[in-house]
Protein backbone atom coordinates (compact mmCIF):
# COMPACT_ATOMS: atom_id res chain seq x y z
CA MET A 1 13.98 -6.05 -14.65
CA PHE A 2 12.29 -7.20 -17.87
CA VAL A 3 15.30 -6.11 -19.72
CA LEU A 4 17.92 -7.67 -17.42
CA LEU A 5 16.42 -10.91 -16.21
CA PRO A 6 16.75 -12.92 -19.40
CA PHE A 7 20.51 -12.58 -19.24
CA LEU A 8 20.77 -14.23 -15.78
CA VAL A 9 20.99 -17.65 -17.56
CA CYS A 10 24.63 -16.77 -18.44
CA SER A 11 27.59 -17.84 -16.39
CA GLN A 12 28.63 -15.82 -13.31
CA SER A 13 31.45 -14.02 -15.10
CA LYS A 14 29.31 -13.16 -18.09
CA VAL A 15 26.58 -11.94 -15.72
CA ASP A 16 29.00 -9.61 -14.01
CA THR A 17 30.32 -8.39 -17.37
CA PHE A 18 26.78 -7.77 -18.49
CA PHE A 19 25.80 -5.75 -15.33
CA THR A 20 28.95 -3.54 -15.54
CA VAL A 21 28.15 0.02 -16.47
CA SER A 22 29.52 1.00 -19.98
CA ASP A 23 32.18 3.79 -19.88
CA THR A 24 31.05 5.02 -23.36
CA LEU A 25 27.81 4.82 -25.30
CA ASN A 26 26.91 1.25 -26.02
CA LYS A 27 24.39 1.51 -28.82
CA SER A 28 23.29 -2.11 -28.62
CA ARG A 29 22.48 -1.72 -24.88
CA ARG A 30 20.83 1.64 -25.42
CA ASN A 31 18.62 0.27 -28.17
CA THR A 32 17.78 -2.79 -26.21
CA VAL A 33 16.68 -0.60 -23.25
CA LEU A 34 14.61 1.71 -25.40
CA ILE A 35 12.90 -0.94 -27.38
CA SER A 36 12.18 -3.08 -24.33
CA GLU A 37 10.77 -0.13 -22.43
CA ALA A 38 8.54 0.87 -25.42
CA VAL A 39 7.31 -2.78 -25.84
CA VAL A 40 6.54 -3.39 -22.19
CA SER A 41 4.89 0.09 -21.69
CA THR A 42 2.78 -0.33 -24.75
CA ALA A 43 1.75 -3.89 -23.89
CA THR A 44 0.84 -2.77 -20.37
CA ILE A 45 -1.25 0.07 -21.65
CA VAL A 46 -2.97 -2.12 -24.24
CA GLY A 47 -3.54 -4.83 -21.58
CA LEU A 48 -5.06 -2.35 -19.09
CA SER A 49 -7.29 -0.94 -21.84
CA THR A 50 -8.63 -4.33 -22.92
CA LEU A 51 -8.54 -6.33 -19.71
CA TRP A 52 -8.98 -3.87 -16.80
CA TYR A 53 -10.92 -0.91 -18.17
CA ALA A 54 -13.16 -3.11 -20.29
CA ASP A 55 -14.92 -4.24 -17.16
CA TYR A 56 -16.05 -0.70 -16.38
CA GLU A 57 -18.38 1.62 -18.26
CA GLN A 58 -16.70 3.96 -20.57
CA SER A 59 -17.57 7.63 -21.07
CA LYS A 60 -16.41 10.81 -22.70
CA PHE A 61 -13.15 12.13 -21.51
CA HIS A 62 -13.71 13.97 -18.14
CA THR A 63 -11.69 15.08 -15.17
CA THR A 64 -12.35 14.41 -11.43
CA ASN A 65 -11.08 15.94 -8.19
CA ASP A 66 -10.20 13.09 -5.97
CA ASN A 67 -7.64 14.99 -3.78
CA ASN A 68 -9.65 14.36 -0.58
CA GLU A 69 -9.72 10.61 -0.97
CA TRP A 70 -7.77 7.97 0.95
CA LEU A 71 -6.02 10.61 3.13
CA GLN A 72 -3.84 11.27 0.03
CA LEU A 73 -2.21 7.86 0.37
CA ASP A 74 -3.05 7.23 -3.32
CA LYS A 75 -1.21 10.36 -4.26
CA MET A 76 1.83 9.14 -2.35
CA GLY A 77 1.63 5.93 -4.40
CA HIS A 78 1.71 7.86 -7.61
CA ALA A 79 4.77 9.85 -6.43
CA PHE A 80 6.48 6.68 -5.33
CA THR A 81 5.87 4.87 -8.59
CA ALA A 82 7.01 7.82 -10.76
CA TYR A 83 10.15 8.25 -8.55
CA GLN A 84 11.14 4.56 -8.75
CA MET A 85 10.40 4.17 -12.45
CA GLY A 86 12.30 7.34 -13.19
CA LYS A 87 15.26 6.20 -11.03
CA HIS A 88 15.57 2.82 -12.73
CA GLY A 89 14.89 4.27 -16.16
CA ALA A 90 17.84 6.70 -15.68
CA GLN A 91 20.03 3.85 -14.31
CA LEU A 92 19.35 1.66 -17.30
CA LEU A 93 20.45 4.43 -19.64
CA ASN A 94 23.54 4.93 -17.38
CA TRP A 95 24.23 1.24 -17.73
CA SER A 96 24.12 1.82 -21.51
CA GLY A 97 26.64 4.64 -21.36
CA VAL A 98 24.18 7.36 -22.20
CA ASN A 99 25.25 10.88 -20.98
CA LYS A 100 23.76 12.34 -17.80
CA ASN A 101 21.56 14.88 -19.52
CA GLU A 102 19.89 12.28 -21.70
CA GLN A 103 19.52 9.98 -18.72
CA LEU A 104 17.38 12.68 -17.00
CA ILE A 105 15.49 13.67 -20.13
CA TYR A 106 14.64 10.19 -21.41
CA GLY A 107 15.11 7.90 -18.45
CA ALA A 108 13.99 9.84 -15.39
CA THR A 109 10.74 10.92 -17.01
CA LEU A 110 9.75 7.28 -17.72
CA GLY A 111 7.48 7.09 -14.74
CA PHE A 112 5.74 10.47 -15.37
CA THR A 113 5.17 9.57 -19.05
CA PHE A 114 3.78 6.03 -18.34
CA LEU A 115 1.55 7.13 -15.46
CA SER A 116 0.17 10.08 -17.44
CA ALA A 117 -0.84 7.65 -20.18
CA VAL A 118 -2.67 5.54 -17.62
CA GLU A 119 -4.27 8.71 -16.27
CA VAL A 120 -5.70 9.35 -19.82
CA LEU A 121 -7.34 5.96 -19.71
CA ASP A 122 -8.83 6.92 -16.38
CA GLY A 123 -10.30 9.95 -18.10
CA PHE A 124 -12.39 7.79 -20.41
CA SER A 125 -13.70 5.62 -17.60
CA GLN A 126 -16.95 6.43 -15.83
CA GLU A 127 -15.61 4.88 -12.60
CA TRP A 128 -12.64 7.33 -12.27
CA GLY A 129 -11.67 10.27 -14.42
CA PHE A 130 -8.53 12.21 -15.27
CA SER A 131 -7.10 13.56 -12.05
CA TRP A 132 -4.87 16.64 -12.03
CA GLY A 133 -3.93 15.67 -8.42
CA ASP A 134 -2.47 12.44 -9.75
CA ILE A 135 -0.59 14.25 -12.48
CA LEU A 136 0.93 16.58 -9.82
CA ALA A 137 1.86 13.61 -7.73
CA ASN A 138 3.51 12.01 -10.67
CA ALA A 139 5.43 15.23 -11.31
CA ALA A 140 6.51 15.40 -7.64
CA GLY A 141 7.97 11.97 -7.70
CA THR A 142 9.83 12.63 -10.93
CA GLY A 143 10.97 15.95 -9.62
CA LEU A 144 12.28 14.41 -6.46
CA TYR A 145 14.69 12.25 -8.52
CA VAL A 146 15.69 14.84 -11.18
CA GLY A 147 16.00 17.69 -8.67
CA GLN A 148 18.54 15.71 -6.50
CA GLU A 149 20.59 14.70 -9.58
CA LEU A 150 20.80 18.35 -10.66
CA LEU A 151 21.52 19.70 -7.21
CA TRP A 152 23.72 17.03 -5.67
CA LYS A 153 24.51 14.49 -8.52
CA GLU A 154 23.27 11.80 -6.14
CA GLN A 155 20.14 10.54 -4.36
CA ARG A 156 20.39 11.70 -0.76
CA ILE A 157 16.70 11.29 -0.16
CA HIS A 158 14.99 8.09 -1.32
CA LEU A 159 11.17 7.60 -1.58
CA LYS A 160 10.50 4.11 -0.20
CA TYR A 161 7.57 1.82 0.57
CA SER A 162 6.50 -0.74 3.33
CA PHE A 163 3.38 -2.69 3.82
CA HIS A 164 1.71 -4.80 6.52
CA HIS A 165 -1.62 -6.62 6.45
CA THR A 166 -4.59 -5.00 8.16
CA TYR A 167 -8.17 -6.23 8.93
CA PHE A 168 -9.72 -3.24 7.11
CA ALA A 169 -9.34 -5.13 3.81
CA ASN A 170 -11.87 -7.66 4.99
CA GLN A 171 -14.40 -4.85 5.30
CA ASN A 172 -14.37 -3.91 1.69
CA PRO A 173 -12.35 -6.47 -0.30
CA ASN A 174 -13.59 -5.09 -3.70
CA LYS A 175 -11.79 -1.81 -3.00
CA LEU A 176 -8.94 -2.89 -0.72
CA GLY A 177 -8.14 -6.36 -2.19
CA GLN A 178 -9.09 -9.93 -1.58
CA THR A 179 -5.73 -11.65 -1.75
CA TYR A 180 -2.50 -10.55 -0.04
CA ILE A 181 -1.05 -9.45 -3.43
CA GLU A 182 -4.08 -7.31 -4.14
CA GLN A 183 -3.96 -5.76 -0.69
CA PHE A 184 -0.25 -5.01 -1.12
CA LEU A 185 -1.28 -2.66 -3.97
CA LYS A 186 -4.75 -1.55 -2.92
CA ASP A 187 -5.11 -1.53 0.92
CA TYR A 188 -3.91 2.04 1.88
CA ASN A 189 -4.38 1.21 5.67
CA GLY A 190 -1.27 -1.07 5.41
CA GLN A 191 0.89 1.08 3.17
CA THR A 192 3.49 3.42 4.47
CA TYR A 193 5.58 5.77 2.29
CA TRP A 194 8.95 7.01 3.54
CA LEU A 195 11.41 9.80 2.84
CA SER A 196 14.70 8.07 3.69
CA PHE A 197 17.53 10.53 4.34
CA ASN A 198 21.16 9.30 3.93
CA LEU A 199 22.93 10.98 6.83
CA HIS A 200 26.50 10.61 5.61
CA SER A 201 25.63 12.36 2.33
CA PHE A 202 24.46 15.41 4.39
CA PHE A 203 27.38 15.25 6.82
CA LYS A 204 30.30 14.01 4.66
CA ASP A 205 32.98 14.97 7.16
CA SER A 206 31.41 12.85 9.90
CA ASN A 207 32.09 9.29 10.87
CA LEU A 208 28.50 8.24 10.19
CA PRO A 209 28.30 5.03 8.17
CA LYS A 210 27.33 5.45 4.55
CA TRP A 211 24.58 2.81 4.79
CA LEU A 212 22.64 4.47 7.69
CA ASN A 213 19.47 6.51 6.87
CA LEU A 214 16.97 8.41 8.91
CA ALA A 215 13.40 7.74 7.58
CA VAL A 216 10.26 9.83 8.02
CA GLY A 217 7.01 7.88 7.18
CA TYR A 218 3.36 8.65 6.37
CA GLY A 219 0.37 6.39 6.60
CA GLY A 220 -3.27 6.17 7.53
CA LYS A 221 -5.80 4.01 9.25
CA GLY A 222 -9.62 3.56 9.15
CA MET A 223 -10.10 3.83 5.46
CA ILE A 224 -12.69 1.49 3.93
CA ASN A 225 -13.70 3.71 1.04
CA GLY A 226 -12.19 6.76 -0.56
CA VAL A 227 -14.05 9.26 1.69
CA GLU A 228 -16.63 7.47 3.76
CA ASN A 229 -16.57 4.75 6.38
CA ALA A 230 -19.15 2.63 8.03
CA SER A 231 -20.00 4.39 11.30
CA PHE A 232 -18.92 1.45 13.58
CA LEU A 233 -15.37 1.69 12.31
CA GLY A 234 -14.75 5.17 13.75
CA ASP A 235 -12.79 7.99 12.25
CA ARG A 236 -9.90 7.61 9.81
CA TYR A 237 -6.66 9.23 10.92
CA ARG A 238 -3.17 9.98 9.63
CA GLN A 239 0.00 8.45 11.01
CA PHE A 240 3.58 9.81 11.00
CA PHE A 241 6.67 7.83 11.75
CA ILE A 242 10.30 8.22 12.59
CA SER A 243 12.67 5.35 12.09
CA PHE A 244 16.08 4.20 10.78
CA ASP A 245 16.75 2.57 7.37
CA LEU A 246 19.44 1.08 5.29
CA ASN A 247 20.76 2.56 2.08
CA LEU A 248 21.35 -0.61 -0.04
CA ASP A 249 22.72 1.41 -2.95
CA VAL A 250 26.13 1.89 -1.14
CA ILE A 251 26.58 -1.76 -0.12
CA ASN A 252 29.15 -2.87 -2.70
CA THR A 253 30.00 -6.49 -3.35
CA ASN A 254 32.28 -8.25 -5.74
CA SER A 255 29.17 -9.22 -7.70
CA LYS A 256 27.85 -6.66 -10.28
CA TRP A 257 24.50 -8.40 -10.50
CA LEU A 258 24.11 -8.51 -6.65
CA ASN A 259 24.86 -4.79 -6.56
CA THR A 260 22.03 -4.28 -9.14
CA LEU A 261 19.71 -6.37 -6.98
CA PHE A 262 20.42 -4.21 -4.00
CA GLU A 263 19.64 -1.15 -6.10
CA VAL A 264 16.29 -2.53 -7.10
CA PHE A 265 15.27 -3.59 -3.58
CA ASN A 266 16.40 -0.29 -2.18
CA MET A 267 12.77 0.86 -2.86
CA ILE A 268 11.68 -1.13 0.20
CA LYS A 269 12.02 0.44 3.68
CA ILE A 270 13.97 -2.03 5.96
CA PRO A 271 12.12 -2.84 9.25
CA PHE A 272 13.73 -0.95 12.24
CA PRO A 273 12.60 0.29 15.67
CA THR A 274 10.04 2.98 14.95
CA LEU A 275 7.98 5.68 16.68
CA GLU A 276 4.45 6.43 15.53
CA PHE A 277 2.64 9.72 16.15
CA SER A 278 -1.13 10.27 15.45
CA LYS A 279 -4.22 11.85 16.94
CA LYS A 280 -5.01 8.46 18.45
CA ARG A 281 -1.74 7.72 20.12
CA GLY A 282 2.01 7.70 20.27
CA VAL A 283 3.55 4.18 20.14
CA PHE A 284 6.89 2.42 19.88
CA TYR A 285 7.37 -0.61 17.56
CA LEU A 286 10.45 -2.79 17.89
CA PHE A 287 10.19 -3.50 14.13
CA TYR A 288 7.74 -1.73 11.93
CA TYR A 289 7.06 -2.49 8.32
């Protein structure tokens, strides 16, 4: 989006021309994409190092085993981020006319490379540490995208995200966020990660609409800290969901930039009637997000 947004000031026709995928290698586009990604990634890493990590005590490089924390919702977040960054990294190179193999090598690995660099910064922070579990989750997200492109040449299974506000954040705002934006990123109690299966792509001879997906979700409740809660809050527990979803990637319009916008927002699970299963209960939601 950093690469594409500046061009939205153009006229509608120029915008649509700009968003049209190049049939052959467009070196100007490719160079713009690569330079922009390098600048934004480097600036983000430097910003994190000087603004975020500077507030925490530094240490020698060390590893940590945090695989039992947050009911593994943090690992789902790593996989989701790596998947989405890889997907859009590959699509930007596709827009530039880069061949498929190079899209997967240099574009789809964007998320894994960036998140691994952030993980190295964690390794020098006393507060956290380098986590092999995070690296594995990053690889899983990247592998989900690359594997489908190699196997099916399309994304039949999308990794998506949804969020709702919870009261747990008020119990530990330093960990779970004080503002809504912070909670959107940090409150694992309100986060749900979905594997959204496009039914038509698995049953191509059927009359199922191309936009209809079946989604399986995972979440958790009762988490105030990584592994421990105050006793009055009760046990933490896992949640599993079944719902429907929309595949925005297949909704074609006459506007190229609108199609691109749909592709970007296809990372969000669309609210639909949903069934939840957990050790606490089974419940039906008219709309769950």
